Amino acid sequence: MFGFVTKNEALELGFTHHASYYGIPLWITDDEFPMVATKWEPLEHVMTLFHYIEGFMNAFSPMDEQGFLFKIGPPIK
């Protein structure tokens, strides 16, 4: 499929785990400063939109620690 990053490509790029962000399928590294990419390139635009929405919603709760809601799944095999 056009723009799809396969498991082998993800491993070559250094990704270590499956993940998701509000249901968007991702590749991620399980590091202190993770590297994140969508599994299908067009979803990068959707993820960017969700980042803006999450940032806007966090503006109303300034006392909460800021961060993104990534769910790290199993390692890539």
Protein backbone atom coordinates (compact mmCIF):
# COMPACT_ATOMS: atom_id res chain seq x y z
CA MET A 1 0.00 0.00 0.00
CA PHE A 2 1.26 3.48 -0.86
CA GLY A 3 3.00 5.16 2.08
CA PHE A 4 2.80 2.12 4.38
CA VAL A 5 5.88 1.41 6.55
CA THR A 6 6.40 -2.36 6.87
CA LYS A 7 7.73 -4.14 9.96
CA ASN A 8 11.12 -4.68 8.31
CA GLU A 9 11.38 -1.01 7.31
CA ALA A 10 10.39 0.06 10.84
CA LEU A 11 13.08 -2.17 12.36
CA GLU A 12 15.69 -0.78 9.93
CA LEU A 13 14.73 2.76 10.96
CA GLY A 14 15.21 1.88 14.64
CA PHE A 15 11.62 1.46 15.83
CA THR A 16 11.12 -1.18 18.49
CA HIS A 17 7.39 -1.40 19.31
CA HIS A 18 3.86 -1.20 17.96
CA ALA A 19 1.87 1.67 19.49
CA SER A 20 -1.21 3.82 19.03
CA TYR A 21 -2.27 7.41 19.60
CA TYR A 22 -6.05 7.79 19.92
CA GLY A 23 -6.42 4.72 17.71
CA ILE A 24 -3.87 5.79 15.09
CA PRO A 25 -1.44 2.88 14.52
CA LEU A 26 2.18 3.84 15.18
CA TRP A 27 5.75 2.61 15.30
CA ILE A 28 7.64 3.83 18.39
CA THR A 29 10.93 3.40 20.23
CA ASP A 30 10.76 2.53 23.92
CA ASP A 31 13.31 5.16 24.98
CA GLU A 32 13.37 8.14 27.31
CA PHE A 33 12.79 10.37 24.25
CA PRO A 34 10.77 8.17 21.89
CA MET A 35 10.83 8.37 18.12
CA VAL A 36 7.29 8.07 16.72
CA ALA A 37 5.86 7.59 13.22
CA THR A 38 2.51 6.50 11.86
CA LYS A 39 2.38 3.14 10.11
CA TRP A 40 0.68 4.77 7.11
CA GLU A 41 2.07 8.14 5.96
CA PRO A 42 -1.26 9.95 5.30
CA LEU A 43 -2.18 9.44 8.98
CA GLU A 44 0.65 11.85 9.93
CA HIS A 45 -1.79 14.67 9.11
CA VAL A 46 -4.47 13.17 11.36
CA MET A 47 -1.94 12.73 14.17
CA THR A 48 -0.86 16.37 13.79
CA LEU A 49 -4.49 17.48 14.05
CA PHE A 50 -4.90 15.38 17.22
CA HIS A 51 -1.73 17.00 18.66
CA TYR A 52 -3.30 20.43 18.18
CA ILE A 53 -6.60 19.32 19.72
CA GLU A 54 -4.81 17.76 22.69
CA GLY A 55 -2.70 20.91 23.15
CA PHE A 56 -5.81 23.08 23.03
CA MET A 57 -7.58 20.90 25.62
CA ASN A 58 -4.49 20.91 27.87
CA ALA A 59 -4.55 24.71 27.84
CA PHE A 60 -7.64 24.52 30.08
CA SER A 61 -5.86 22.41 32.71
CA PRO A 62 -2.45 24.08 33.19
CA MET A 63 -1.74 22.23 36.45
CA ASP A 64 -1.67 18.83 34.72
CA GLU A 65 1.63 17.43 33.51
CA GLN A 66 1.80 17.78 29.73
CA GLY A 67 2.39 14.77 27.52
CA PHE A 68 0.99 12.74 24.67
CA LEU A 69 -1.23 9.70 25.19
CA PHE A 70 0.74 7.02 23.36
CA LYS A 71 -0.12 3.41 24.16
CA ILE A 72 2.94 1.23 23.71
CA GLY A 73 2.13 -2.25 22.50
CA PRO A 74 4.19 -5.39 21.90
CA PRO A 75 7.71 -5.36 20.47
CA ILE A 76 8.09 -5.66 16.71
CA LYS A 77 9.00 -9.24 15.83
